[in-house]
Amino acid sequence: QAVTIDTGSVAVDGVVNGAEYGSDVTVTGTGEAGSAITVTSGGLTLGTTTVAQDGTWTLDFSPSLIDGAPGHSELGYTGTLTATAVDAAGNTTSTSGTVTVDRNTSLFASFDDADFVVNASERAAGVTLTGGAEPGATIAVAIGGQTLSATADNTGAWSVTVPPALIPEGVGTLGASVTATDLAGNTATQTVSIAVDTQTAVTVNTATVEGDGVVNATEAQDGFV
């Protein structure tokens, strides 16, 4: 009976993310009952097991062993797992599958404002928060006690508009915590803020009107400053 390996179910979806990388994951397959199974990757042995009487086998292993990891790109890599079966008669058969390791994600966020100060008219229109992330990443913006959501497009760009109700009035700061979750389940968080100044002040000095703050009859006829 030929041996099989199901790498598509490693770490549930065939992708090992940053959180999953820190502990063992499981690979499964089928073969002839009693056969010895050895799973290798990039010349390293991930472990050995035996095919059960029902024809299935299971092996737990460290993702750090996949294709000699972590000596690969920080953006992720795909490794090959090979299962080799040796039955009681000494017959050998092998098969392979791939697993993706994606431990990192990216995030950039910034308020879209020319002078980075939200004035009264800008507050009334709402403020836009823009940024970049991995394509398809889910963006969650925690701001003003609420969470605004977006999804990065196929270039990684995303944006959300903060409504006026979540922007404070007066003089202060508008802060937000932005979290990106990529398709592999990795997360990155960034905190951003922008100054808010929706107040204006006007002062009138009447003490200097006509020099003494008093308009007499003659001055009233010719106007006053």
N, C-alpha and C. Protein backbone atom coordinates (compact mmCIF):
# COMPACT_ATOMS: atom_id res chain seq x y z
N GLN A 1 0.84 -1.20 0.00
CA GLN A 1 0.00 0.00 0.00
C GLN A 1 0.88 1.25 0.00
N ALA A 2 0.54 2.19 -0.87
CA ALA A 2 1.32 3.42 -0.97
C ALA A 2 1.13 4.28 0.27
N VAL A 3 2.16 5.03 0.61
CA VAL A 3 2.09 5.93 1.74
C VAL A 3 1.58 7.28 1.27
N THR A 4 0.82 7.96 2.13
CA THR A 4 0.36 9.32 1.84
C THR A 4 0.74 10.23 2.99
N ILE A 5 0.81 11.53 2.70
CA ILE A 5 1.08 12.53 3.72
C ILE A 5 0.14 13.71 3.49
N ASP A 6 -0.51 14.15 4.55
CA ASP A 6 -1.47 15.25 4.45
C ASP A 6 -0.85 16.51 5.06
N THR A 7 -0.10 17.25 4.25
CA THR A 7 0.53 18.47 4.76
C THR A 7 -0.46 19.64 4.77
N GLY A 8 -1.57 19.50 4.08
CA GLY A 8 -2.56 20.58 4.05
C GLY A 8 -3.26 20.80 5.37
N SER A 9 -3.15 19.83 6.28
CA SER A 9 -3.79 19.98 7.59
C SER A 9 -2.80 20.29 8.70
N VAL A 10 -1.52 20.46 8.35
CA VAL A 10 -0.53 20.85 9.35
C VAL A 10 -0.90 22.24 9.88
N ALA A 11 -0.97 22.38 11.19
CA ALA A 11 -1.41 23.65 11.81
C ALA A 11 -2.78 24.05 11.27
N VAL A 12 -3.61 23.08 11.00
CA VAL A 12 -5.00 23.21 10.54
C VAL A 12 -5.09 23.53 9.04
N ASP A 13 -4.35 24.55 8.59
CA ASP A 13 -4.52 25.03 7.22
C ASP A 13 -3.29 24.88 6.33
N GLY A 14 -2.29 24.17 6.82
CA GLY A 14 -1.08 24.01 6.03
C GLY A 14 -0.14 25.21 6.08
N VAL A 15 -0.45 26.16 6.95
CA VAL A 15 0.37 27.36 7.13
C VAL A 15 0.70 27.50 8.61
N VAL A 16 1.97 27.56 8.96
CA VAL A 16 2.41 27.73 10.34
C VAL A 16 2.68 29.21 10.57
N ASN A 17 1.88 29.83 11.45
CA ASN A 17 2.11 31.26 11.72
C ASN A 17 3.03 31.43 12.93
N GLY A 18 3.23 32.69 13.32
CA GLY A 18 4.17 32.99 14.39
C GLY A 18 3.81 32.33 15.71
N ALA A 19 2.52 32.35 16.04
CA ALA A 19 2.08 31.75 17.30
C ALA A 19 2.24 30.24 17.29
N GLU A 20 1.94 29.62 16.14
CA GLU A 20 2.02 28.16 16.03
C GLU A 20 3.47 27.68 15.96
N TYR A 21 4.37 28.55 15.52
CA TYR A 21 5.76 28.16 15.33
C TYR A 21 6.44 27.78 16.64
N GLY A 22 5.93 28.30 17.74
CA GLY A 22 6.57 28.08 19.03
C GLY A 22 6.28 26.74 19.67
N SER A 23 5.43 25.93 19.08
CA SER A 23 5.13 24.61 19.65
C SER A 23 5.01 23.58 18.54
N ASP A 24 4.94 22.30 18.91
CA ASP A 24 4.86 21.25 17.92
C ASP A 24 3.57 21.33 17.11
N VAL A 25 3.66 20.92 15.86
CA VAL A 25 2.49 20.77 15.01
C VAL A 25 2.40 19.30 14.60
N THR A 26 1.31 18.94 13.97
CA THR A 26 1.06 17.53 13.65
C THR A 26 0.88 17.32 12.15
N VAL A 27 1.51 16.27 11.63
CA VAL A 27 1.30 15.86 10.26
C VAL A 27 0.75 14.43 10.29
N THR A 28 -0.16 14.15 9.37
CA THR A 28 -0.81 12.84 9.34
C THR A 28 -0.71 12.23 7.94
N GLY A 29 -1.04 10.97 7.86
CA GLY A 29 -1.06 10.30 6.56
C GLY A 29 -1.58 8.88 6.68
N THR A 30 -1.43 8.14 5.63
CA THR A 30 -1.88 6.74 5.62
C THR A 30 -0.77 5.85 5.05
N GLY A 31 -0.90 4.56 5.29
CA GLY A 31 0.07 3.60 4.78
C GLY A 31 -0.32 2.19 5.17
N GLU A 32 0.55 1.26 4.91
CA GLU A 32 0.31 -0.14 5.26
C GLU A 32 0.51 -0.33 6.76
N ALA A 33 -0.46 -0.96 7.41
CA ALA A 33 -0.40 -1.16 8.86
C ALA A 33 0.91 -1.81 9.25
N GLY A 34 1.54 -1.25 10.28
CA GLY A 34 2.78 -1.79 10.79
C GLY A 34 4.02 -1.22 10.13
N SER A 35 3.87 -0.47 9.05
CA SER A 35 5.03 0.10 8.36
C SER A 35 5.67 1.18 9.22
N ALA A 36 6.97 1.30 9.11
CA ALA A 36 7.70 2.35 9.81
C ALA A 36 7.73 3.60 8.93
N ILE A 37 7.36 4.74 9.52
CA ILE A 37 7.31 6.00 8.78
C ILE A 37 8.40 6.93 9.30
N THR A 38 9.18 7.48 8.38
CA THR A 38 10.16 8.51 8.71
C THR A 38 9.81 9.76 7.91
N VAL A 39 9.70 10.88 8.60
CA VAL A 39 9.37 12.15 7.92
C VAL A 39 10.61 13.04 7.95
N THR A 40 11.01 13.50 6.79
CA THR A 40 12.19 14.36 6.66
C THR A 40 11.83 15.66 5.95
N SER A 41 12.74 16.64 6.11
CA SER A 41 12.57 17.91 5.41
C SER A 41 13.94 18.55 5.25
N GLY A 42 14.32 18.81 4.01
CA GLY A 42 15.60 19.43 3.75
C GLY A 42 16.78 18.68 4.33
N GLY A 43 16.72 17.36 4.37
CA GLY A 43 17.81 16.57 4.90
C GLY A 43 17.74 16.33 6.39
N LEU A 44 16.79 16.96 7.07
CA LEU A 44 16.63 16.76 8.51
C LEU A 44 15.49 15.78 8.78
N THR A 45 15.65 14.96 9.80
CA THR A 45 14.58 14.04 10.20
C THR A 45 13.68 14.71 11.21
N LEU A 46 12.41 14.81 10.87
CA LEU A 46 11.44 15.43 11.77
C LEU A 46 10.97 14.44 12.84
N GLY A 47 11.00 13.15 12.53
CA GLY A 47 10.59 12.13 13.49
C GLY A 47 10.20 10.85 12.81
N THR A 48 9.93 9.84 13.61
CA THR A 48 9.51 8.54 13.10
C THR A 48 8.26 8.09 13.83
N THR A 49 7.47 7.26 13.18
CA THR A 49 6.26 6.72 13.78
C THR A 49 5.91 5.41 13.07
N THR A 50 4.82 4.80 13.46
CA THR A 50 4.39 3.53 12.88
C THR A 50 2.94 3.64 12.43
N VAL A 51 2.64 3.07 11.28
CA VAL A 51 1.26 3.07 10.78
C VAL A 51 0.40 2.18 11.67
N ALA A 52 -0.70 2.73 12.15
CA ALA A 52 -1.62 2.00 13.03
C ALA A 52 -2.38 0.92 12.24
N GLN A 53 -3.10 0.09 12.98
CA GLN A 53 -3.85 -0.99 12.35
C GLN A 53 -4.93 -0.49 11.41
N ASP A 54 -5.41 0.74 11.63
CA ASP A 54 -6.45 1.28 10.74
C ASP A 54 -5.84 1.94 9.50
N GLY A 55 -4.51 1.87 9.37
CA GLY A 55 -3.86 2.40 8.18
C GLY A 55 -3.49 3.87 8.24
N THR A 56 -3.60 4.47 9.40
CA THR A 56 -3.26 5.88 9.54
C THR A 56 -2.01 6.05 10.40
N TRP A 57 -1.33 7.17 10.22
CA TRP A 57 -0.18 7.50 11.06
C TRP A 57 -0.20 8.99 11.39
N THR A 58 0.43 9.31 12.53
CA THR A 58 0.45 10.68 13.03
C THR A 58 1.84 10.97 13.60
N LEU A 59 2.34 12.19 13.34
CA LEU A 59 3.64 12.56 13.87
C LEU A 59 3.62 14.03 14.31
N ASP A 60 4.03 14.27 15.55
CA ASP A 60 4.20 15.64 16.03
C ASP A 60 5.66 16.05 15.83
N PHE A 61 5.86 17.28 15.39
CA PHE A 61 7.24 17.73 15.15
C PHE A 61 7.34 19.24 15.33
N SER A 62 8.58 19.72 15.48
CA SER A 62 8.82 21.14 15.63
C SER A 62 8.90 21.82 14.26
N PRO A 63 8.12 22.90 14.05
CA PRO A 63 8.18 23.60 12.76
C PRO A 63 9.56 24.17 12.45
N SER A 64 10.39 24.36 13.48
CA SER A 64 11.73 24.91 13.25
C SER A 64 12.59 23.97 12.41
N LEU A 65 12.17 22.71 12.27
CA LEU A 65 12.92 21.73 11.48
C LEU A 65 12.55 21.73 10.00
N ILE A 66 11.53 22.46 9.64
CA ILE A 66 11.08 22.44 8.24
C ILE A 66 12.15 23.05 7.34
N ASP A 67 12.67 22.26 6.44
CA ASP A 67 13.68 22.70 5.47
C ASP A 67 14.82 23.49 6.09
N GLY A 68 15.27 23.09 7.26
CA GLY A 68 16.40 23.77 7.87
C GLY A 68 16.09 25.15 8.37
N ALA A 69 14.80 25.47 8.59
CA ALA A 69 14.39 26.79 9.08
C ALA A 69 15.12 27.11 10.38
N PRO A 70 15.35 28.38 10.73
CA PRO A 70 14.73 29.56 10.11
C PRO A 70 15.59 30.26 9.07
N GLY A 71 16.48 29.59 8.41
CA GLY A 71 17.35 30.27 7.47
C GLY A 71 16.70 30.64 6.16
N HIS A 72 15.55 31.30 6.23
CA HIS A 72 14.80 31.68 5.04
C HIS A 72 14.32 33.12 5.17
N SER A 73 13.63 33.57 4.17
CA SER A 73 13.13 34.94 4.16
C SER A 73 12.21 35.21 5.35
N GLU A 74 12.34 36.42 5.91
CA GLU A 74 11.46 36.81 7.01
C GLU A 74 10.01 36.95 6.53
N LEU A 75 9.82 37.03 5.22
CA LEU A 75 8.47 37.16 4.68
C LEU A 75 7.77 35.81 4.59
N GLY A 76 8.49 34.73 4.91
CA GLY A 76 7.89 33.41 4.87
C GLY A 76 8.53 32.53 3.82
N TYR A 77 8.26 31.24 3.89
CA TYR A 77 8.84 30.29 2.95
C TYR A 77 7.99 29.03 2.95
N THR A 78 8.21 28.21 1.93
CA THR A 78 7.50 26.94 1.81
C THR A 78 8.52 25.81 1.87
N GLY A 79 8.27 24.86 2.76
CA GLY A 79 9.16 23.73 2.92
C GLY A 79 8.50 22.44 2.48
N THR A 80 9.31 21.47 2.11
CA THR A 80 8.80 20.17 1.66
C THR A 80 8.99 19.13 2.75
N LEU A 81 7.93 18.39 3.03
CA LEU A 81 7.97 17.27 3.97
C LEU A 81 7.86 15.97 3.18
N THR A 82 8.75 15.05 3.45
CA THR A 82 8.74 13.75 2.75
C THR A 82 8.52 12.63 3.76
N ALA A 83 7.53 11.80 3.48
CA ALA A 83 7.25 10.64 4.32
C ALA A 83 7.76 9.39 3.60
N THR A 84 8.61 8.64 4.27
CA THR A 84 9.13 7.39 3.70
C THR A 84 8.64 6.23 4.55
N ALA A 85 8.00 5.25 3.90
CA ALA A 85 7.46 4.08 4.61
C ALA A 85 8.26 2.83 4.25
N VAL A 86 8.54 2.03 5.27
CA VAL A 86 9.21 0.72 5.08
C VAL A 86 8.31 -0.33 5.71
N ASP A 87 7.77 -1.26 4.88
CA ASP A 87 6.84 -2.25 5.43
C ASP A 87 7.62 -3.46 5.97
N ALA A 88 6.88 -4.44 6.47
CA ALA A 88 7.49 -5.61 7.12
C ALA A 88 8.36 -6.40 6.17
N ALA A 89 8.07 -6.31 4.88
CA ALA A 89 8.85 -7.06 3.88
C ALA A 89 10.07 -6.28 3.41
N GLY A 90 10.21 -5.06 3.91
CA GLY A 90 11.36 -4.25 3.53
C GLY A 90 11.13 -3.37 2.32
N ASN A 91 9.89 -3.35 1.81
CA ASN A 91 9.58 -2.48 0.68
C ASN A 91 9.54 -1.02 1.13
N THR A 92 10.05 -0.16 0.28
CA THR A 92 10.11 1.27 0.62
C THR A 92 9.32 2.10 -0.38
N THR A 93 8.57 3.05 0.12
CA THR A 93 7.84 3.99 -0.73
C THR A 93 7.85 5.35 -0.07
N SER A 94 7.82 6.38 -0.88
CA SER A 94 7.88 7.75 -0.35
C SER A 94 6.88 8.65 -1.05
N THR A 95 6.52 9.71 -0.37
CA THR A 95 5.67 10.74 -0.95
C THR A 95 5.97 12.06 -0.24
N SER A 96 5.64 13.17 -0.87
CA SER A 96 5.97 14.48 -0.31
C SER A 96 4.79 15.44 -0.38
N GLY A 97 4.87 16.48 0.46
CA GLY A 97 3.90 17.57 0.44
C GLY A 97 4.59 18.82 0.96
N THR A 98 3.93 19.94 0.84
CA THR A 98 4.54 21.21 1.26
C THR A 98 3.78 21.86 2.41
N VAL A 99 4.54 22.61 3.21
CA VAL A 99 3.98 23.39 4.32
C VAL A 99 4.57 24.79 4.23
N THR A 100 3.75 25.79 4.42
CA THR A 100 4.21 27.18 4.40
C THR A 100 4.45 27.66 5.83
N VAL A 101 5.57 28.34 6.02
CA VAL A 101 5.87 28.96 7.31
C VAL A 101 5.81 30.48 7.12
N ASP A 102 4.91 31.13 7.82
CA ASP A 102 4.72 32.58 7.72
C ASP A 102 4.60 33.13 9.13
N ARG A 103 5.70 33.65 9.65
CA ARG A 103 5.76 34.04 11.06
C ARG A 103 5.59 35.54 11.29
N ASN A 104 5.60 36.33 10.23
CA ASN A 104 5.61 37.78 10.40
C ASN A 104 4.54 38.45 9.55
N THR A 105 4.21 39.66 9.93
CA THR A 105 3.33 40.48 9.11
C THR A 105 3.80 41.92 9.22
N SER A 106 3.20 42.80 8.44
CA SER A 106 3.62 44.20 8.42
C SER A 106 2.43 45.12 8.62
N LEU A 107 2.73 46.33 9.10
CA LEU A 107 1.67 47.32 9.32
C LEU A 107 2.28 48.71 9.35
N PHE A 108 1.62 49.63 8.66
CA PHE A 108 1.94 51.05 8.77
C PHE A 108 0.64 51.81 8.83
N ALA A 109 0.55 52.77 9.75
CA ALA A 109 -0.67 53.56 9.90
C ALA A 109 -0.32 55.01 10.17
N SER A 110 -1.12 55.93 9.59
CA SER A 110 -0.90 57.36 9.80
C SER A 110 -2.18 58.12 9.52
N PHE A 111 -2.41 59.18 10.29
CA PHE A 111 -3.53 60.06 10.01
C PHE A 111 -3.22 60.87 8.76
N ASP A 112 -4.21 60.97 7.87
CA ASP A 112 -4.03 61.69 6.61
C ASP A 112 -4.42 63.15 6.81
N ASP A 113 -3.47 63.95 7.25
CA ASP A 113 -3.73 65.36 7.51
C ASP A 113 -2.46 66.16 7.21
N ALA A 114 -2.60 67.24 6.47
CA ALA A 114 -1.44 67.97 5.98
C ALA A 114 -0.55 68.50 7.10
N ASP A 115 -1.17 69.08 8.14
CA ASP A 115 -0.37 69.68 9.22
C ASP A 115 -0.45 68.91 10.52
N PHE A 116 -1.11 67.74 10.48
CA PHE A 116 -1.24 66.86 11.65
C PHE A 116 -1.89 67.58 12.84
N VAL A 117 -2.80 68.49 12.54
CA VAL A 117 -3.64 69.12 13.55
C VAL A 117 -5.06 69.14 13.00
N VAL A 118 -5.99 68.53 13.72
CA VAL A 118 -7.38 68.49 13.29
C VAL A 118 -8.08 69.76 13.75
N ASN A 119 -8.50 70.60 12.79
CA ASN A 119 -9.23 71.81 13.16
C ASN A 119 -10.73 71.54 13.13
N ALA A 120 -11.52 72.58 13.37
CA ALA A 120 -12.97 72.41 13.50
C ALA A 120 -13.60 71.89 12.22
N SER A 121 -13.19 72.45 11.07
CA SER A 121 -13.80 72.00 9.81
C SER A 121 -13.39 70.59 9.46
N GLU A 122 -12.15 70.22 9.77
CA GLU A 122 -11.69 68.86 9.51
C GLU A 122 -12.40 67.86 10.41
N ARG A 123 -12.63 68.27 11.65
CA ARG A 123 -13.37 67.39 12.55
C ARG A 123 -14.77 67.14 12.02
N ALA A 124 -15.41 68.18 11.53
CA ALA A 124 -16.78 68.04 11.03
C ALA A 124 -16.87 67.09 9.84
N ALA A 125 -15.79 67.02 9.06
CA ALA A 125 -15.78 66.14 7.88
C ALA A 125 -15.33 64.73 8.20
N GLY A 126 -14.76 64.52 9.40
CA GLY A 126 -14.19 63.22 9.73
C GLY A 126 -12.74 63.17 9.30
N VAL A 127 -11.96 62.39 10.00
CA VAL A 127 -10.53 62.28 9.74
C VAL A 127 -10.22 60.89 9.16
N THR A 128 -9.36 60.85 8.15
CA THR A 128 -9.01 59.58 7.51
C THR A 128 -7.70 59.04 8.07
N LEU A 129 -7.73 57.76 8.38
CA LEU A 129 -6.53 57.04 8.83
C LEU A 129 -6.17 56.07 7.72
N THR A 130 -4.94 56.17 7.21
CA THR A 130 -4.53 55.33 6.09
C THR A 130 -3.28 54.54 6.46
N GLY A 131 -2.96 53.55 5.62
CA GLY A 131 -1.75 52.79 5.89
C GLY A 131 -1.55 51.65 4.92
N GLY A 132 -0.61 50.80 5.28
CA GLY A 132 -0.28 49.64 4.47
C GLY A 132 -0.16 48.40 5.33
N ALA A 133 -0.41 47.25 4.74
CA ALA A 133 -0.31 45.96 5.42
C ALA A 133 -0.18 44.89 4.34
N GLU A 134 -0.12 43.63 4.75
CA GLU A 134 -0.10 42.57 3.75
C GLU A 134 -1.44 42.51 3.04
N PRO A 135 -1.45 42.28 1.73
CA PRO A 135 -2.73 42.16 1.01
C PRO A 135 -3.66 41.16 1.68
N GLY A 136 -4.91 41.57 1.83
CA GLY A 136 -5.91 40.70 2.44
C GLY A 136 -5.96 40.76 3.95
N ALA A 137 -5.04 41.49 4.56
CA ALA A 137 -5.03 41.58 6.03
C ALA A 137 -6.26 42.32 6.53
N THR A 138 -6.75 41.90 7.68
CA THR A 138 -7.87 42.58 8.33
C THR A 138 -7.32 43.65 9.26
N ILE A 139 -7.87 44.86 9.16
CA ILE A 139 -7.43 45.99 9.96
C ILE A 139 -8.50 46.34 10.98
N ALA A 140 -8.09 46.44 12.25
CA ALA A 140 -9.01 46.84 13.32
C ALA A 140 -8.44 48.09 13.98
N VAL A 141 -9.21 49.17 13.99
CA VAL A 141 -8.78 50.44 14.57
C VAL A 141 -9.60 50.70 15.83
N ALA A 142 -8.95 50.62 16.99
CA ALA A 142 -9.60 50.90 18.26
C ALA A 142 -9.45 52.39 18.55
N ILE A 143 -10.57 53.11 18.60
CA ILE A 143 -10.52 54.56 18.75
C ILE A 143 -11.80 55.05 19.41
N GLY A 144 -11.67 55.88 20.39
CA GLY A 144 -12.84 56.47 21.04
C GLY A 144 -13.81 55.46 21.61
N GLY A 145 -13.30 54.31 22.07
CA GLY A 145 -14.17 53.30 22.65
C GLY A 145 -14.87 52.43 21.62
N GLN A 146 -14.58 52.62 20.36
CA GLN A 146 -15.16 51.80 19.30
C GLN A 146 -14.06 51.19 18.43
N THR A 147 -14.47 50.23 17.59
CA THR A 147 -13.53 49.59 16.67
C THR A 147 -14.02 49.77 15.24
N LEU A 148 -13.16 50.37 14.42
CA LEU A 148 -13.45 50.54 12.99
C LEU A 148 -12.65 49.49 12.22
N SER A 149 -13.22 48.98 11.13
CA SER A 149 -12.60 47.88 10.41
C SER A 149 -12.35 48.21 8.95
N ALA A 150 -11.35 47.55 8.40
CA ALA A 150 -11.03 47.66 6.98
C ALA A 150 -10.28 46.41 6.55
N THR A 151 -10.10 46.25 5.25
CA THR A 151 -9.32 45.13 4.71
C THR A 151 -8.32 45.69 3.71
N ALA A 152 -7.06 45.29 3.85
CA ALA A 152 -6.03 45.75 2.91
C ALA A 152 -6.31 45.20 1.52
N ASP A 153 -6.20 46.07 0.50
CA ASP A 153 -6.47 45.63 -0.87
C ASP A 153 -5.28 44.84 -1.42
N ASN A 154 -5.33 44.53 -2.71
CA ASN A 154 -4.30 43.65 -3.28
C ASN A 154 -2.93 44.33 -3.39
N THR A 155 -2.87 45.63 -3.10
CA THR A 155 -1.58 46.31 -3.02
C THR A 155 -1.14 46.50 -1.57
N GLY A 156 -2.02 46.13 -0.64
CA GLY A 156 -1.73 46.30 0.78
C GLY A 156 -2.26 47.59 1.37
N ALA A 157 -2.85 48.46 0.55
CA ALA A 157 -3.35 49.74 1.04
C ALA A 157 -4.69 49.58 1.75
N TRP A 158 -4.93 50.40 2.76
CA TRP A 158 -6.20 50.39 3.48
C TRP A 158 -6.46 51.79 4.04
N SER A 159 -7.72 52.06 4.38
CA SER A 159 -8.06 53.34 5.00
C SER A 159 -9.38 53.20 5.76
N VAL A 160 -9.53 53.99 6.81
CA VAL A 160 -10.80 54.09 7.53
C VAL A 160 -11.04 55.58 7.80
N THR A 161 -12.30 55.95 7.85
CA THR A 161 -12.66 57.32 8.18
C THR A 161 -13.20 57.37 9.61
N VAL A 162 -12.59 58.21 10.42
CA VAL A 162 -13.03 58.38 11.81
C VAL A 162 -14.14 59.42 11.83
N PRO A 163 -15.34 59.06 12.25
CA PRO A 163 -16.46 60.02 12.24
C PRO A 163 -16.28 61.10 13.31
N PRO A 164 -16.93 62.25 13.12
CA PRO A 164 -16.80 63.36 14.07
C PRO A 164 -17.11 62.98 15.52
N ALA A 165 -18.06 62.07 15.71
CA ALA A 165 -18.46 61.70 17.07
C ALA A 165 -17.33 61.08 17.87
N LEU A 166 -16.32 60.52 17.17
CA LEU A 166 -15.20 59.89 17.87
C LEU A 166 -14.00 60.82 18.02
N ILE A 167 -14.14 62.04 17.50
CA ILE A 167 -13.04 63.01 17.56
C ILE A 167 -13.34 64.04 18.64
N PRO A 168 -12.48 64.21 19.61
CA PRO A 168 -12.77 65.16 20.69
C PRO A 168 -12.80 66.61 20.18
N GLU A 169 -13.54 67.45 20.88
CA GLU A 169 -13.56 68.87 20.58
C GLU A 169 -12.58 69.59 21.50
N GLY A 170 -12.29 70.85 21.15
CA GLY A 170 -11.38 71.62 21.98
C GLY A 170 -9.94 71.36 21.60
N VAL A 171 -9.07 71.46 22.58
CA VAL A 171 -7.65 71.24 22.36
C VAL A 171 -7.25 69.93 23.04
N GLY A 172 -6.67 69.04 22.30
CA GLY A 172 -6.29 67.74 22.87
C GLY A 172 -5.62 66.86 21.84
N THR A 173 -5.76 65.56 22.01
CA THR A 173 -5.11 64.58 21.14
C THR A 173 -6.09 63.46 20.80
N LEU A 174 -6.07 63.05 19.57
CA LEU A 174 -6.85 61.90 19.11
C LEU A 174 -5.89 60.73 18.92
N GLY A 175 -6.11 59.66 19.66
CA GLY A 175 -5.23 58.49 19.59
C GLY A 175 -5.97 57.26 19.10
N ALA A 176 -5.24 56.35 18.48
CA ALA A 176 -5.84 55.11 17.99
C ALA A 176 -4.82 53.98 18.07
N SER A 177 -5.33 52.77 18.30
CA SER A 177 -4.50 51.57 18.28
C SER A 177 -4.94 50.74 17.08
N VAL A 178 -4.01 50.49 16.17
CA VAL A 178 -4.32 49.80 14.91
C VAL A 178 -3.69 48.41 14.93
N THR A 179 -4.49 47.38 14.63
CA THR A 179 -3.99 46.00 14.58
C THR A 179 -4.29 45.40 13.22
N ALA A 180 -3.26 44.82 12.62
CA ALA A 180 -3.41 44.10 11.35
C ALA A 180 -3.28 42.61 11.62
N THR A 181 -4.19 41.82 11.06
CA THR A 181 -4.13 40.36 11.14
C THR A 181 -4.06 39.82 9.72
N ASP A 182 -2.93 39.19 9.37
CA ASP A 182 -2.78 38.71 7.99
C ASP A 182 -3.49 37.39 7.78
N LEU A 183 -3.44 36.89 6.56
CA LEU A 183 -4.17 35.68 6.21
C LEU A 183 -3.65 34.44 6.92
N ALA A 184 -2.41 34.51 7.42
CA ALA A 184 -1.84 33.38 8.16
C ALA A 184 -2.17 33.46 9.64
N GLY A 185 -2.77 34.58 10.08
CA GLY A 185 -3.11 34.74 11.49
C GLY A 185 -2.09 35.52 12.29
N ASN A 186 -1.03 36.01 11.64
CA ASN A 186 -0.05 36.84 12.35
C ASN A 186 -0.63 38.23 12.59
N THR A 187 -0.22 38.87 13.69
CA THR A 187 -0.73 40.20 14.01
C THR A 187 0.40 41.18 14.23
N ALA A 188 0.12 42.44 13.96
CA ALA A 188 1.02 43.55 14.24
C ALA A 188 0.17 44.72 14.71
N THR A 189 0.68 45.46 15.68
CA THR A 189 -0.08 46.57 16.26
C THR A 189 0.77 47.84 16.26
N GLN A 190 0.12 48.96 15.96
CA GLN A 190 0.78 50.27 15.97
C GLN A 190 -0.15 51.28 16.62
N THR A 191 0.42 52.16 17.45
CA THR A 191 -0.34 53.24 18.07
C THR A 191 -0.02 54.55 17.36
N VAL A 192 -1.05 55.29 16.98
CA VAL A 192 -0.87 56.56 16.29
C VAL A 192 -1.70 57.63 16.98
N SER A 193 -1.31 58.89 16.81
CA SER A 193 -2.06 59.99 17.41
C SER A 193 -1.92 61.24 16.56
N ILE A 194 -2.83 62.19 16.77
CA ILE A 194 -2.81 63.46 16.05
C ILE A 194 -3.38 64.53 16.97
N ALA A 195 -2.85 65.73 16.87
CA ALA A 195 -3.32 66.84 17.69
C ALA A 195 -4.70 67.31 17.22
N VAL A 196 -5.50 67.77 18.16
CA VAL A 196 -6.83 68.31 17.85
C VAL A 196 -6.91 69.72 18.42
N ASP A 197 -7.35 70.66 17.59
CA ASP A 197 -7.55 72.05 18.05
C ASP A 197 -8.72 72.63 17.28
N THR A 198 -9.90 72.54 17.90
CA THR A 198 -11.11 73.05 17.24
C THR A 198 -11.56 74.39 17.82
N GLN A 199 -10.75 74.96 18.69
CA GLN A 199 -11.11 76.23 19.32
C GLN A 199 -10.50 77.40 18.56
N THR A 200 -11.18 78.56 18.67
CA THR A 200 -10.62 79.81 18.16
C THR A 200 -10.91 80.88 19.20
N ALA A 201 -10.07 81.91 19.26
CA ALA A 201 -10.25 82.96 20.28
C ALA A 201 -10.06 84.33 19.64
N VAL A 202 -10.95 85.25 20.02
CA VAL A 202 -10.87 86.63 19.55
C VAL A 202 -10.91 87.54 20.76
N THR A 203 -10.01 88.52 20.85
CA THR A 203 -10.01 89.49 21.96
C THR A 203 -10.27 90.89 21.41
N VAL A 204 -10.98 91.68 22.18
CA VAL A 204 -11.27 93.07 21.82
C VAL A 204 -10.73 93.98 22.91
N ASN A 205 -9.88 94.94 22.53
CA ASN A 205 -9.31 95.89 23.50
C ASN A 205 -9.99 97.25 23.31
N THR A 206 -10.95 97.56 24.17
CA THR A 206 -11.68 98.83 24.07
C THR A 206 -10.99 99.96 24.81
N ALA A 207 -10.00 99.63 25.61
CA ALA A 207 -9.34 100.67 26.42
C ALA A 207 -8.58 101.67 25.58
N THR A 208 -8.24 101.26 24.33
CA THR A 208 -7.44 102.16 23.49
C THR A 208 -8.28 102.90 22.45
N VAL A 209 -9.61 102.70 22.46
CA VAL A 209 -10.47 103.41 21.52
C VAL A 209 -10.34 104.92 21.74
N GLU A 210 -10.02 105.64 20.68
CA GLU A 210 -9.80 107.10 20.74
C GLU A 210 -8.76 107.47 21.80
N GLY A 211 -7.87 106.54 22.05
CA GLY A 211 -6.76 106.84 22.94
C GLY A 211 -7.03 106.63 24.41
N ASP A 212 -8.29 106.89 24.85
CA ASP A 212 -8.58 106.79 26.28
C ASP A 212 -9.77 105.90 26.61
N GLY A 213 -10.30 105.22 25.59
CA GLY A 213 -11.44 104.35 25.84
C GLY A 213 -12.75 105.09 26.00
N VAL A 214 -12.76 106.40 25.70
CA VAL A 214 -13.97 107.22 25.82
C VAL A 214 -14.21 107.94 24.51
N VAL A 215 -15.40 107.83 23.95
CA VAL A 215 -15.76 108.51 22.71
C VAL A 215 -16.59 109.74 23.07
N ASN A 216 -16.04 110.94 22.83
CA ASN A 216 -16.80 112.15 23.11
C ASN A 216 -17.65 112.52 21.89
N ALA A 217 -18.36 113.65 21.96
CA ALA A 217 -19.28 114.04 20.89
C ALA A 217 -18.57 114.30 19.59
N THR A 218 -17.45 114.96 19.65
CA THR A 218 -16.70 115.26 18.42
C THR A 218 -16.19 113.98 17.78
N GLU A 219 -15.66 113.10 18.60
CA GLU A 219 -15.12 111.84 18.08
C GLU A 219 -16.21 110.97 17.48
N ALA A 220 -17.40 111.06 18.06
CA ALA A 220 -18.51 110.26 17.54
C ALA A 220 -18.93 110.70 16.15
N GLN A 221 -18.71 112.00 15.84
CA GLN A 221 -19.09 112.51 14.53
C GLN A 221 -18.17 112.04 13.42
N ASP A 222 -16.90 111.86 13.74
CA ASP A 222 -15.94 111.51 12.69
C ASP A 222 -15.51 110.04 12.72
N GLY A 223 -16.24 109.23 13.49
CA GLY A 223 -15.84 107.84 13.60
C GLY A 223 -14.73 107.67 14.59
N PHE A 224 -14.48 106.43 14.97
CA PHE A 224 -13.44 106.19 15.98
C PHE A 224 -12.77 104.87 15.74
N VAL A 225 -11.58 104.76 16.28
CA VAL A 225 -10.85 103.52 16.18
C VAL A 225 -10.29 103.19 17.56
